[in-house]
C-alpha atoms as a PDB file:
ATOM      1  CA  UNK A   1       0.162   0.077  -0.188  1.00  0.00           C
ATOM      2  CA  UNK A   2       0.704   3.648  -1.113  1.00  0.00           C
ATOM      3  CA  UNK A   3       1.580   5.944   1.964  1.00  0.00           C
ATOM      4  CA  UNK A   4       0.917   9.552   1.086  1.00  0.00           C
ATOM      5  CA  UNK A   5       2.386  12.664   2.507  1.00  0.00           C
ATOM      6  CA  UNK A   6      -0.429  14.850   4.156  1.00  0.00           C
ATOM      7  CA  UNK A   7      -0.813  17.762   5.957  1.00  0.00           C
ATOM      8  CA  UNK A   8      -3.916  18.998   7.919  1.00  0.00           C
ATOM      9  CA  UNK A   9      -5.445  21.860   9.163  1.00  0.00           C
ATOM     10  CA  UNK A  10      -3.525  23.079  12.218  1.00  0.00           C
ATOM     11  CA  UNK A  11      -0.366  22.559   9.698  1.00  0.00           C
ATOM     12  CA  UNK A  12       0.817  19.360  10.953  1.00  0.00           C
ATOM     13  CA  UNK A  13       2.339  16.994   8.256  1.00  0.00           C
ATOM     14  CA  UNK A  14       2.993  13.397   8.650  1.00  0.00           C
ATOM     15  CA  UNK A  15       2.425  10.054   6.028  1.00  0.00           C
ATOM     16  CA  UNK A  16      -0.766   8.332   6.048  1.00  0.00           C
ATOM     17  CA  UNK A  17      -1.805   4.894   4.303  1.00  0.00           C
ATOM     18  CA  UNK A  18      -5.189   5.435   4.065  1.00  0.00           C
ATOM     19  CA  UNK A  19      -6.636   8.655   2.320  1.00  0.00           C
ATOM     20  CA  UNK A  20      -9.454   7.468   0.581  1.00  0.00           C
ATOM     21  CA  UNK A  21     -10.379   7.834  -2.650  1.00  0.00           C
ATOM     22  CA  UNK A  22      -7.799  10.408  -4.312  1.00  0.00           C
ATOM     23  CA  UNK A  23      -8.841   9.568  -7.861  1.00  0.00           C
ATOM     24  CA  UNK A  24     -12.234  11.888  -7.564  1.00  0.00           C
ATOM     25  CA  UNK A  25     -11.019  15.126  -8.677  1.00  0.00           C
ATOM     26  CA  UNK A  26     -14.202  16.343  -8.648  1.00  0.00           C
ATOM     27  CA  UNK A  27     -14.245  15.794  -4.661  1.00  0.00           C
ATOM     28  CA  UNK A  28     -11.725  17.544  -4.313  1.00  0.00           C
ATOM     29  CA  UNK A  29      -7.929  17.135  -2.729  1.00  0.00           C
ATOM     30  CA  UNK A  30      -8.987  17.875   1.186  1.00  0.00           C
ATOM     31  CA  UNK A  31     -10.278  14.269   2.767  1.00  0.00           C
ATOM     32  CA  UNK A  32     -11.095  14.187   7.061  1.00  0.00           C
ATOM     33  CA  UNK A  33      -7.846  12.303   8.009  1.00  0.00           C
ATOM     34  CA  UNK A  34      -6.827  11.581  12.093  1.00  0.00           C
ATOM     35  CA  UNK A  35      -3.517  13.193  12.305  1.00  0.00           C
ATOM     36  CA  UNK A  36      -1.654  12.043  15.217  1.00  0.00           C
ATOM     37  CA  UNK A  37       0.031  14.864  17.012  1.00  0.00           C
ATOM     38  CA  UNK A  38      -4.042  16.784  16.969  1.00  0.00           C
ATOM     39  CA  UNK A  39      -5.502  13.268  18.428  1.00  0.00           C
ATOM     40  CA  UNK A  40      -8.591  14.524  16.244  1.00  0.00           C
ATOM     41  CA  UNK A  41     -10.003  14.423  12.684  1.00  0.00           C
ATOM     42  CA  UNK A  42      -8.396  16.914  10.828  1.00  0.00           C
ATOM     43  CA  UNK A  43      -9.274  18.265   6.896  1.00  0.00           C
ATOM     44  CA  UNK A  44      -6.279  17.323   5.371  1.00  0.00           C
ATOM     45  CA  UNK A  45      -5.085  17.720   1.734  1.00  0.00           C
ATOM     46  CA  UNK A  46      -1.103  15.984  -0.467  1.00  0.00           C
ATOM     47  CA  UNK A  47       1.983  17.355   0.335  1.00  0.00           C
ATOM     48  CA  UNK A  48       3.731  17.988  -3.164  1.00  0.00           C
ATOM     49  CA  UNK A  49       7.538  15.521  -2.149  1.00  0.00           C
ATOM     50  CA  UNK A  50      10.353  17.281  -3.785  1.00  0.00           C
ATOM     51  CA  UNK A  51      12.703  14.964  -5.459  1.00  0.00           C
ATOM     52  CA  UNK A  52      15.927  14.264  -3.930  1.00  0.00           C
ATOM     53  CA  UNK A  53      19.118  16.092  -6.893  1.00  0.00           C
ATOM     54  CA  UNK A  54      21.238  13.078  -7.853  1.00  0.00           C
ATOM     55  CA  UNK A  55      24.858  13.036  -5.187  1.00  0.00           C
ATOM     56  CA  UNK A  56      27.240  14.043  -7.038  1.00  0.00           C
ATOM     57  CA  UNK A  57      30.258  10.867  -8.285  1.00  0.00           C
ATOM     58  CA  UNK A  58      33.954  11.451  -6.039  1.00  0.00           C
ATOM     59  CA  UNK A  59      36.753   9.725  -7.178  1.00  0.00           C
ATOM     60  CA  UNK A  60      38.096   7.865  -4.206  1.00  0.00           C
ATOM     61  CA  UNK A  61      40.345   9.311  -2.481  1.00  0.00           C
ATOM     62  CA  UNK A  62      43.977   6.735  -3.784  1.00  0.00           C
ATOM     63  CA  UNK A  63      42.476   8.079  -7.260  1.00  0.00           C
ATOM     64  CA  UNK A  64      42.683  11.725  -6.745  1.00  0.00           C
ATOM     65  CA  UNK A  65      45.674  13.936  -8.389  1.00  0.00           C
ATOM     66  CA  UNK A  66      47.368  16.022  -5.851  1.00  0.00           C
END
């Protein structure tokens, strides 16, 4: 099951396995989900997760020129 990163109405960011009806665009992006920080049902919306940049590859110390 895919996890979704969401932000609740109070601003808390967390991931959830159950974010119902994501494909139903006509309902809008918000869903009622229990926030683990507030411990209450809150309106939550998906948060775009940035793709990390690839790490540069460095040559081993034995190969580097001095």
